[in-house]
């Protein structure tokens, strides 16, 4: 095997992983600033309440249905030699408030590529570019990317609910 190439890849991977660690700290700051879980719940409620034909209420005691939205996880995936990706995993559960019975649920995974995907030389250039790009991503950049993933996740949850309602009415 190519020893020089293996050493170059190992060094590039170490640099990428180090930058990913620093980027994760900025991602956590962005998540806190935008109240990630609350933003997802708010947007999902806005979209899904239209499909249910209901208006959100201030108190759960006044509700017919309860929509629980959980951000299960989020982060940066730098595994492999490809581009770094931002990801979110969320779950929504619709409950009958009076009985507590689960009516519907949906799990959603959103991803967004953060860095370019480069092919060549056993992945070394792509790994180096990923490390360099992660170094430049700011908290504001992460907020914008998370906001896009929140919107995507809310839309997917709402579309899934709409499809479930359509099937239930048939």
N, C-alpha and C. Protein backbone atom coordinates (compact mmCIF):
# COMPACT_ATOMS: atom_id res chain seq x y z
N UNK A 1 0.83 -1.20 0.00
CA UNK A 1 0.00 0.00 0.00
C UNK A 1 0.87 1.25 0.00
N UNK A 2 0.25 2.36 -0.25
CA UNK A 2 0.93 3.65 -0.32
C UNK A 2 1.07 4.23 1.08
N UNK A 3 2.26 4.14 1.67
CA UNK A 3 2.49 4.60 3.05
C UNK A 3 2.35 6.11 3.14
N UNK A 4 2.88 6.82 2.16
CA UNK A 4 2.81 8.28 2.18
C UNK A 4 1.34 8.72 2.14
N UNK A 5 0.56 8.10 1.27
CA UNK A 5 -0.86 8.43 1.18
C UNK A 5 -1.59 8.13 2.47
N UNK A 6 -1.26 7.01 3.11
CA UNK A 6 -1.91 6.65 4.38
C UNK A 6 -1.56 7.65 5.47
N UNK A 7 -0.31 8.09 5.51
CA UNK A 7 0.10 9.09 6.51
C UNK A 7 -0.59 10.42 6.24
N UNK A 8 -0.66 10.80 4.97
CA UNK A 8 -1.36 12.06 4.63
C UNK A 8 -2.83 11.98 5.03
N UNK A 9 -3.46 10.85 4.76
CA UNK A 9 -4.88 10.70 5.12
C UNK A 9 -5.06 10.75 6.62
N UNK A 10 -4.17 10.10 7.36
CA UNK A 10 -4.27 10.10 8.83
C UNK A 10 -4.14 11.52 9.37
N UNK A 11 -3.19 12.28 8.84
CA UNK A 11 -3.01 13.66 9.29
C UNK A 11 -4.21 14.53 8.93
N UNK A 12 -4.71 14.36 7.72
CA UNK A 12 -5.88 15.13 7.29
C UNK A 12 -7.10 14.78 8.13
N UNK A 13 -7.27 13.50 8.44
CA UNK A 13 -8.40 13.07 9.27
C UNK A 13 -8.29 13.63 10.68
N UNK A 14 -7.09 13.65 11.23
CA UNK A 14 -6.89 14.23 12.57
C UNK A 14 -7.25 15.72 12.57
N UNK A 15 -6.84 16.43 11.53
CA UNK A 15 -7.16 17.86 11.43
C UNK A 15 -8.67 18.06 11.30
N UNK A 16 -9.31 17.22 10.48
CA UNK A 16 -10.76 17.32 10.29
C UNK A 16 -11.50 17.06 11.61
N UNK A 17 -11.08 16.04 12.33
CA UNK A 17 -11.74 15.72 13.60
C UNK A 17 -11.53 16.82 14.64
N UNK A 18 -10.35 17.42 14.66
CA UNK A 18 -10.10 18.53 15.59
C UNK A 18 -10.99 19.72 15.26
N UNK A 19 -11.08 20.06 13.98
CA UNK A 19 -11.95 21.18 13.58
C UNK A 19 -13.41 20.87 13.84
N UNK A 20 -13.80 19.61 13.68
CA UNK A 20 -15.18 19.22 13.97
C UNK A 20 -15.50 19.44 15.44
N UNK A 21 -14.55 19.16 16.31
CA UNK A 21 -14.76 19.39 17.74
C UNK A 21 -15.00 20.86 18.05
N UNK A 22 -14.21 21.73 17.43
CA UNK A 22 -14.40 23.18 17.63
C UNK A 22 -15.74 23.62 17.02
N UNK A 23 -16.07 23.06 15.86
CA UNK A 23 -17.33 23.41 15.19
C UNK A 23 -18.53 22.97 16.03
N UNK A 24 -18.42 21.83 16.69
CA UNK A 24 -19.53 21.36 17.54
C UNK A 24 -19.82 22.35 18.67
N UNK A 25 -18.79 22.97 19.21
CA UNK A 25 -19.00 23.97 20.26
C UNK A 25 -19.77 25.17 19.69
N UNK A 26 -19.42 25.60 18.48
CA UNK A 26 -20.16 26.72 17.85
C UNK A 26 -21.59 26.29 17.51
N UNK A 27 -21.77 25.04 17.10
CA UNK A 27 -23.11 24.52 16.81
C UNK A 27 -23.96 24.53 18.08
N UNK A 28 -23.39 24.12 19.20
CA UNK A 28 -24.13 24.14 20.47
C UNK A 28 -24.53 25.57 20.84
N UNK A 29 -23.64 26.53 20.61
CA UNK A 29 -23.97 27.94 20.87
C UNK A 29 -25.13 28.39 19.99
N UNK A 30 -25.09 28.01 18.72
CA UNK A 30 -26.17 28.37 17.80
C UNK A 30 -27.48 27.75 18.24
N UNK A 31 -27.44 26.50 18.66
CA UNK A 31 -28.65 25.81 19.12
C UNK A 31 -29.25 26.51 20.33
N UNK A 32 -28.40 26.91 21.25
CA UNK A 32 -28.88 27.60 22.45
C UNK A 32 -29.46 28.96 22.09
N UNK A 33 -28.77 29.71 21.24
CA UNK A 33 -29.24 31.05 20.85
C UNK A 33 -30.62 31.00 20.20
N UNK A 34 -30.84 30.00 19.37
CA UNK A 34 -32.11 29.95 18.65
C UNK A 34 -33.16 29.10 19.35
N UNK A 35 -32.82 28.52 20.50
CA UNK A 35 -33.74 27.62 21.21
C UNK A 35 -34.26 26.57 20.23
N UNK A 36 -33.35 25.73 19.78
CA UNK A 36 -33.60 24.78 18.70
C UNK A 36 -34.86 23.95 18.90
N UNK A 37 -34.99 23.31 20.04
CA UNK A 37 -36.16 22.45 20.28
C UNK A 37 -37.45 23.26 20.27
N UNK A 38 -37.43 24.44 20.88
CA UNK A 38 -38.63 25.30 20.89
C UNK A 38 -38.97 25.77 19.48
N UNK A 39 -37.96 26.10 18.69
CA UNK A 39 -38.21 26.54 17.32
C UNK A 39 -38.86 25.43 16.51
N UNK A 40 -38.38 24.21 16.68
CA UNK A 40 -38.99 23.08 15.97
C UNK A 40 -40.43 22.87 16.41
N UNK A 41 -40.68 22.91 17.70
CA UNK A 41 -42.04 22.71 18.22
C UNK A 41 -42.98 23.80 17.70
N UNK A 42 -42.52 25.04 17.74
CA UNK A 42 -43.35 26.17 17.30
C UNK A 42 -43.70 26.05 15.82
N UNK A 43 -42.70 25.81 14.99
CA UNK A 43 -42.96 25.72 13.55
C UNK A 43 -43.83 24.51 13.21
N UNK A 44 -43.58 23.42 13.89
CA UNK A 44 -44.39 22.22 13.64
C UNK A 44 -45.83 22.47 14.04
N UNK A 45 -46.04 23.08 15.19
CA UNK A 45 -47.40 23.39 15.64
C UNK A 45 -48.10 24.33 14.66
N UNK A 46 -47.40 25.34 14.18
CA UNK A 46 -47.99 26.26 13.21
C UNK A 46 -48.47 25.52 11.97
N UNK A 47 -47.64 24.62 11.45
CA UNK A 47 -48.00 23.89 10.23
C UNK A 47 -49.08 22.85 10.47
N UNK A 48 -48.95 22.07 11.54
CA UNK A 48 -49.87 20.95 11.74
C UNK A 48 -51.25 21.40 12.22
N UNK A 49 -51.34 22.51 12.93
CA UNK A 49 -52.65 22.95 13.43
C UNK A 49 -53.61 23.24 12.28
N UNK A 50 -53.07 23.69 11.15
CA UNK A 50 -53.93 23.92 9.99
C UNK A 50 -54.53 22.62 9.48
N UNK A 51 -53.74 21.55 9.46
CA UNK A 51 -54.23 20.27 8.96
C UNK A 51 -55.24 19.64 9.90
N UNK A 52 -55.09 19.92 11.19
CA UNK A 52 -56.04 19.39 12.16
C UNK A 52 -57.30 20.24 12.25
N UNK A 53 -57.25 21.44 11.68
CA UNK A 53 -58.40 22.34 11.75
C UNK A 53 -58.61 22.88 13.15
N UNK A 54 -57.53 23.10 13.87
CA UNK A 54 -57.62 23.61 15.24
C UNK A 54 -56.70 24.82 15.40
N UNK A 55 -56.96 25.56 16.46
CA UNK A 55 -56.09 26.67 16.82
C UNK A 55 -55.31 26.30 18.06
N UNK A 56 -54.02 26.62 18.09
CA UNK A 56 -53.24 26.36 19.30
C UNK A 56 -53.82 27.11 20.50
N UNK A 57 -53.75 26.50 21.67
CA UNK A 57 -54.25 27.13 22.90
C UNK A 57 -53.08 27.30 23.87
N UNK A 58 -53.26 28.22 24.81
CA UNK A 58 -52.19 28.52 25.76
C UNK A 58 -52.02 27.41 26.80
N UNK A 59 -53.11 26.76 27.16
CA UNK A 59 -53.06 25.75 28.21
C UNK A 59 -53.39 24.37 27.63
N UNK A 60 -52.60 23.38 27.99
CA UNK A 60 -52.86 22.02 27.53
C UNK A 60 -54.23 21.54 27.99
N UNK A 61 -54.70 22.02 29.12
CA UNK A 61 -56.01 21.61 29.65
C UNK A 61 -57.15 22.02 28.72
N UNK A 62 -56.93 23.05 27.91
CA UNK A 62 -57.95 23.53 26.98
C UNK A 62 -57.88 22.84 25.62
N UNK A 63 -56.94 21.95 25.44
CA UNK A 63 -56.71 21.33 24.13
C UNK A 63 -57.47 20.02 23.98
N UNK A 64 -57.88 19.73 22.75
CA UNK A 64 -58.43 18.42 22.43
C UNK A 64 -57.30 17.44 22.12
N UNK A 65 -56.27 17.96 21.46
CA UNK A 65 -55.12 17.15 21.06
C UNK A 65 -53.85 17.81 21.60
N UNK A 66 -52.86 16.98 21.85
CA UNK A 66 -51.55 17.48 22.27
C UNK A 66 -50.53 16.98 21.25
N UNK A 67 -49.78 17.91 20.70
CA UNK A 67 -48.71 17.55 19.78
C UNK A 67 -47.39 17.72 20.52
N UNK A 68 -46.74 16.60 20.78
CA UNK A 68 -45.43 16.63 21.43
C UNK A 68 -44.37 16.54 20.34
N UNK A 69 -43.44 17.48 20.36
CA UNK A 69 -42.36 17.49 19.38
C UNK A 69 -41.05 17.47 20.15
N UNK A 70 -40.21 16.51 19.82
CA UNK A 70 -38.93 16.34 20.52
C UNK A 70 -37.79 16.38 19.51
N UNK A 71 -36.78 17.19 19.82
CA UNK A 71 -35.54 17.14 19.07
C UNK A 71 -34.71 16.04 19.72
N UNK A 72 -34.65 14.89 19.09
CA UNK A 72 -33.96 13.74 19.68
C UNK A 72 -32.44 13.91 19.66
N UNK A 73 -31.91 14.44 18.58
CA UNK A 73 -30.47 14.68 18.50
C UNK A 73 -30.17 15.61 17.33
N UNK A 74 -29.00 16.20 17.38
CA UNK A 74 -28.51 17.02 16.28
C UNK A 74 -26.99 17.03 16.38
N UNK A 75 -26.34 17.36 15.29
CA UNK A 75 -24.89 17.41 15.34
C UNK A 75 -24.27 17.54 13.97
N UNK A 76 -22.96 17.31 13.96
CA UNK A 76 -22.17 17.35 12.73
C UNK A 76 -21.63 15.94 12.51
N UNK A 77 -21.85 15.43 11.33
CA UNK A 77 -21.35 14.10 10.97
C UNK A 77 -20.13 14.29 10.06
N UNK A 78 -18.96 13.90 10.56
CA UNK A 78 -17.73 14.02 9.78
C UNK A 78 -17.12 12.65 9.49
N UNK A 79 -17.92 11.61 9.68
CA UNK A 79 -17.41 10.27 9.41
C UNK A 79 -17.07 10.10 7.94
N UNK A 80 -16.13 9.28 7.67
CA UNK A 80 -15.75 9.00 6.29
C UNK A 80 -14.92 10.12 5.70
N UNK A 81 -14.71 10.02 4.41
CA UNK A 81 -13.85 10.98 3.73
C UNK A 81 -14.65 12.02 2.95
N UNK A 82 -15.95 11.96 3.04
CA UNK A 82 -16.79 12.88 2.28
C UNK A 82 -17.00 14.19 3.02
N UNK A 83 -17.98 14.90 2.57
CA UNK A 83 -18.31 16.20 3.14
C UNK A 83 -18.87 16.05 4.55
N UNK A 84 -18.71 17.10 5.34
CA UNK A 84 -19.34 17.15 6.67
C UNK A 84 -20.81 17.51 6.48
N UNK A 85 -21.65 16.91 7.29
CA UNK A 85 -23.09 17.16 7.21
C UNK A 85 -23.63 17.54 8.57
N UNK A 86 -24.54 18.48 8.56
CA UNK A 86 -25.29 18.84 9.75
C UNK A 86 -26.54 17.97 9.74
N UNK A 87 -26.92 17.43 10.90
CA UNK A 87 -28.10 16.57 10.93
C UNK A 87 -28.97 16.89 12.14
N UNK A 88 -30.25 16.59 11.99
CA UNK A 88 -31.21 16.66 13.09
C UNK A 88 -32.06 15.40 13.05
N UNK A 89 -32.44 14.93 14.22
CA UNK A 89 -33.38 13.81 14.36
C UNK A 89 -34.49 14.28 15.29
N UNK A 90 -35.71 14.24 14.80
CA UNK A 90 -36.84 14.73 15.59
C UNK A 90 -37.97 13.71 15.57
N UNK A 91 -38.85 13.85 16.55
CA UNK A 91 -40.03 12.99 16.63
C UNK A 91 -41.22 13.84 17.03
N UNK A 92 -42.35 13.57 16.41
CA UNK A 92 -43.60 14.23 16.78
C UNK A 92 -44.63 13.16 17.10
N UNK A 93 -45.40 13.40 18.16
CA UNK A 93 -46.44 12.47 18.59
C UNK A 93 -47.72 13.27 18.83
N UNK A 94 -48.81 12.84 18.22
CA UNK A 94 -50.11 13.46 18.43
C UNK A 94 -50.90 12.59 19.39
N UNK A 95 -51.35 13.21 20.48
CA UNK A 95 -52.08 12.49 21.53
C UNK A 95 -53.48 13.05 21.69
N UNK A 96 -54.42 12.19 22.03
CA UNK A 96 -55.73 12.63 22.47
C UNK A 96 -55.55 13.07 23.93
N UNK A 97 -55.77 14.34 24.21
CA UNK A 97 -55.48 14.86 25.55
C UNK A 97 -56.31 14.17 26.62
N UNK A 98 -57.57 13.89 26.33
CA UNK A 98 -58.44 13.30 27.36
C UNK A 98 -58.05 11.87 27.71
N UNK A 99 -57.71 11.07 26.71
CA UNK A 99 -57.40 9.66 26.97
C UNK A 99 -55.91 9.38 27.06
N UNK A 100 -55.10 10.28 26.52
CA UNK A 100 -53.66 10.05 26.47
C UNK A 100 -53.26 9.08 25.38
N UNK A 101 -54.22 8.65 24.57
CA UNK A 101 -53.95 7.68 23.51
C UNK A 101 -53.16 8.33 22.38
N UNK A 102 -52.14 7.61 21.94
CA UNK A 102 -51.36 8.09 20.80
C UNK A 102 -52.16 7.88 19.53
N UNK A 103 -52.34 8.95 18.78
CA UNK A 103 -53.11 8.91 17.54
C UNK A 103 -52.19 8.72 16.34
N UNK A 104 -51.03 9.34 16.41
CA UNK A 104 -50.13 9.37 15.25
C UNK A 104 -48.73 9.72 15.74
N UNK A 105 -47.72 9.27 15.01
CA UNK A 105 -46.36 9.71 15.31
C UNK A 105 -45.52 9.74 14.04
N UNK A 106 -44.44 10.48 14.11
CA UNK A 106 -43.54 10.60 12.96
C UNK A 106 -42.13 10.86 13.46
N UNK A 107 -41.18 10.19 12.84
CA UNK A 107 -39.76 10.47 13.10
C UNK A 107 -39.16 11.04 11.83
N UNK A 108 -38.36 12.08 12.01
CA UNK A 108 -37.80 12.81 10.87
C UNK A 108 -36.30 12.98 11.07
N UNK A 109 -35.56 12.75 10.01
CA UNK A 109 -34.12 13.03 10.01
C UNK A 109 -33.86 14.03 8.90
N UNK A 110 -33.26 15.14 9.28
CA UNK A 110 -32.88 16.15 8.29
C UNK A 110 -31.37 16.23 8.19
N UNK A 111 -30.86 16.44 6.98
CA UNK A 111 -29.43 16.62 6.79
C UNK A 111 -29.17 17.77 5.84
N UNK A 112 -28.03 18.40 6.03
CA UNK A 112 -27.62 19.50 5.17
C UNK A 112 -26.10 19.43 5.04
N UNK A 113 -25.61 19.39 3.82
CA UNK A 113 -24.17 19.33 3.62
C UNK A 113 -23.55 20.67 3.99
N UNK A 114 -22.54 20.65 4.84
CA UNK A 114 -21.86 21.86 5.28
C UNK A 114 -20.63 22.19 4.44
N UNK A 115 -20.00 21.18 3.91
CA UNK A 115 -18.73 21.37 3.21
C UNK A 115 -18.81 20.73 1.83
N UNK A 116 -17.95 21.18 0.92
CA UNK A 116 -17.96 20.59 -0.42
C UNK A 116 -17.52 19.13 -0.39
N UNK A 117 -17.95 18.39 -1.37
CA UNK A 117 -17.53 16.99 -1.54
C UNK A 117 -16.49 16.96 -2.66
N UNK A 118 -15.29 16.52 -2.33
CA UNK A 118 -14.19 16.49 -3.30
C UNK A 118 -13.71 15.06 -3.44
N UNK A 119 -13.47 14.65 -4.67
CA UNK A 119 -13.00 13.29 -4.93
C UNK A 119 -11.57 13.35 -5.45
N UNK A 120 -10.76 12.45 -4.98
CA UNK A 120 -9.41 12.36 -5.52
C UNK A 120 -8.38 12.02 -4.46
N UNK A 121 -7.30 11.45 -4.87
CA UNK A 121 -6.15 11.12 -4.04
C UNK A 121 -6.54 10.46 -2.74
N UNK A 122 -7.36 9.45 -2.82
CA UNK A 122 -7.79 8.67 -1.65
C UNK A 122 -8.46 9.53 -0.60
N UNK A 123 -9.10 10.59 -0.99
CA UNK A 123 -9.87 11.40 -0.05
C UNK A 123 -9.11 12.48 0.67
N UNK A 124 -7.80 12.56 0.50
CA UNK A 124 -7.01 13.55 1.24
C UNK A 124 -7.47 14.98 0.95
N UNK A 125 -7.60 15.40 -0.33
CA UNK A 125 -8.03 16.78 -0.57
C UNK A 125 -9.39 17.10 0.04
N UNK A 126 -10.33 16.17 -0.09
CA UNK A 126 -11.66 16.41 0.48
C UNK A 126 -11.62 16.54 1.99
N UNK A 127 -10.80 15.71 2.63
CA UNK A 127 -10.69 15.76 4.09
C UNK A 127 -10.07 17.08 4.53
N UNK A 128 -9.05 17.55 3.81
CA UNK A 128 -8.40 18.83 4.13
C UNK A 128 -9.38 19.98 3.91
N UNK A 129 -10.11 19.94 2.80
CA UNK A 129 -11.08 21.00 2.52
C UNK A 129 -12.19 21.00 3.56
N UNK A 130 -12.63 19.82 3.98
CA UNK A 130 -13.65 19.73 5.03
C UNK A 130 -13.14 20.37 6.32
N UNK A 131 -11.91 20.06 6.71
CA UNK A 131 -11.32 20.65 7.93
C UNK A 131 -11.25 22.16 7.81
N UNK A 132 -10.76 22.65 6.67
CA UNK A 132 -10.61 24.10 6.48
C UNK A 132 -11.97 24.79 6.47
N UNK A 133 -12.95 24.18 5.85
CA UNK A 133 -14.28 24.79 5.79
C UNK A 133 -14.93 24.80 7.17
N UNK A 134 -14.82 23.71 7.92
CA UNK A 134 -15.38 23.68 9.27
C UNK A 134 -14.79 24.78 10.14
N UNK A 135 -13.52 25.09 9.91
CA UNK A 135 -12.84 26.15 10.67
C UNK A 135 -13.51 27.51 10.45
N UNK A 136 -14.11 27.71 9.27
CA UNK A 136 -14.68 29.02 8.93
C UNK A 136 -16.15 29.17 9.27
N UNK A 137 -16.84 28.10 9.63
CA UNK A 137 -18.28 28.17 9.89
C UNK A 137 -18.51 28.86 11.23
N UNK A 138 -19.28 29.95 11.21
CA UNK A 138 -19.54 30.74 12.41
C UNK A 138 -20.81 30.27 13.13
N UNK A 139 -21.01 30.80 14.32
CA UNK A 139 -22.24 30.52 15.06
C UNK A 139 -23.45 30.96 14.24
N UNK A 140 -23.35 32.14 13.61
CA UNK A 140 -24.46 32.64 12.78
C UNK A 140 -24.72 31.71 11.60
N UNK A 141 -23.65 31.18 10.99
CA UNK A 141 -23.83 30.22 9.90
C UNK A 141 -24.57 28.98 10.38
N UNK A 142 -24.18 28.50 11.56
CA UNK A 142 -24.86 27.33 12.12
C UNK A 142 -26.31 27.63 12.43
N UNK A 143 -26.60 28.84 12.94
CA UNK A 143 -27.99 29.21 13.22
C UNK A 143 -28.81 29.16 11.94
N UNK A 144 -28.26 29.70 10.87
CA UNK A 144 -28.97 29.71 9.59
C UNK A 144 -29.21 28.28 9.09
N UNK A 145 -28.19 27.44 9.18
CA UNK A 145 -28.33 26.05 8.73
C UNK A 145 -29.34 25.29 9.60
N UNK A 146 -29.27 25.49 10.92
CA UNK A 146 -30.23 24.84 11.81
C UNK A 146 -31.65 25.32 11.53
N UNK A 147 -31.79 26.61 11.27
CA UNK A 147 -33.11 27.16 10.96
C UNK A 147 -33.69 26.49 9.71
N UNK A 148 -32.86 26.27 8.71
CA UNK A 148 -33.32 25.59 7.50
C UNK A 148 -33.73 24.14 7.81
N UNK A 149 -32.95 23.47 8.65
CA UNK A 149 -33.30 22.09 9.01
C UNK A 149 -34.57 22.03 9.86
N UNK A 150 -34.76 23.02 10.72
CA UNK A 150 -35.99 23.09 11.52
C UNK A 150 -37.19 23.25 10.59
N UNK A 151 -37.07 24.15 9.62
CA UNK A 151 -38.17 24.37 8.68
C UNK A 151 -38.45 23.10 7.87
N UNK A 152 -37.39 22.46 7.40
CA UNK A 152 -37.55 21.21 6.66
C UNK A 152 -38.22 20.15 7.53
N UNK A 153 -37.76 19.99 8.75
CA UNK A 153 -38.33 18.98 9.65
C UNK A 153 -39.80 19.27 9.94
N UNK A 154 -40.13 20.53 10.21
CA UNK A 154 -41.53 20.90 10.46
C UNK A 154 -42.39 20.60 9.24
N UNK A 155 -41.88 20.90 8.07
CA UNK A 155 -42.63 20.62 6.84
C UNK A 155 -42.85 19.13 6.64
N UNK A 156 -41.80 18.34 6.89
CA UNK A 156 -41.92 16.89 6.71
C UNK A 156 -42.92 16.31 7.72
N UNK A 157 -42.84 16.76 8.96
CA UNK A 157 -43.79 16.28 9.98
C UNK A 157 -45.21 16.65 9.58
N UNK A 158 -45.42 17.90 9.15
CA UNK A 158 -46.76 18.34 8.75
C UNK A 158 -47.26 17.56 7.54
N UNK A 159 -46.39 17.33 6.57
CA UNK A 159 -46.80 16.56 5.39
C UNK A 159 -47.14 15.12 5.76
N UNK A 160 -46.37 14.55 6.68
CA UNK A 160 -46.65 13.19 7.14
C UNK A 160 -47.99 13.14 7.87
N UNK A 161 -48.26 14.14 8.69
CA UNK A 161 -49.55 14.21 9.38
C UNK A 161 -50.69 14.35 8.38
N UNK A 162 -50.50 15.22 7.40
CA UNK A 162 -51.54 15.42 6.39
C UNK A 162 -51.83 14.11 5.66
N UNK A 163 -50.78 13.37 5.30
CA UNK A 163 -50.97 12.08 4.63
C UNK A 163 -51.68 11.10 5.55
N UNK A 164 -51.33 11.09 6.83
CA UNK A 164 -52.00 10.22 7.78
C UNK A 164 -53.47 10.56 7.93
N UNK A 165 -53.78 11.84 7.97
CA UNK A 165 -55.18 12.27 8.07
C UNK A 165 -55.96 11.90 6.81
N UNK A 166 -55.32 12.09 5.68
CA UNK A 166 -55.96 11.75 4.41
C UNK A 166 -56.29 10.25 4.37
N UNK A 167 -55.35 9.43 4.80
CA UNK A 167 -55.59 7.98 4.81
C UNK A 167 -56.67 7.59 5.82
N UNK A 168 -56.71 8.26 6.96
CA UNK A 168 -57.71 7.95 7.99
C UNK A 168 -59.11 8.32 7.54
N UNK A 169 -59.24 9.31 6.67
CA UNK A 169 -60.55 9.78 6.22
C UNK A 169 -61.10 8.95 5.07
N UNK A 170 -60.29 8.07 4.53
CA UNK A 170 -60.74 7.24 3.38
C UNK A 170 -61.57 6.08 3.83
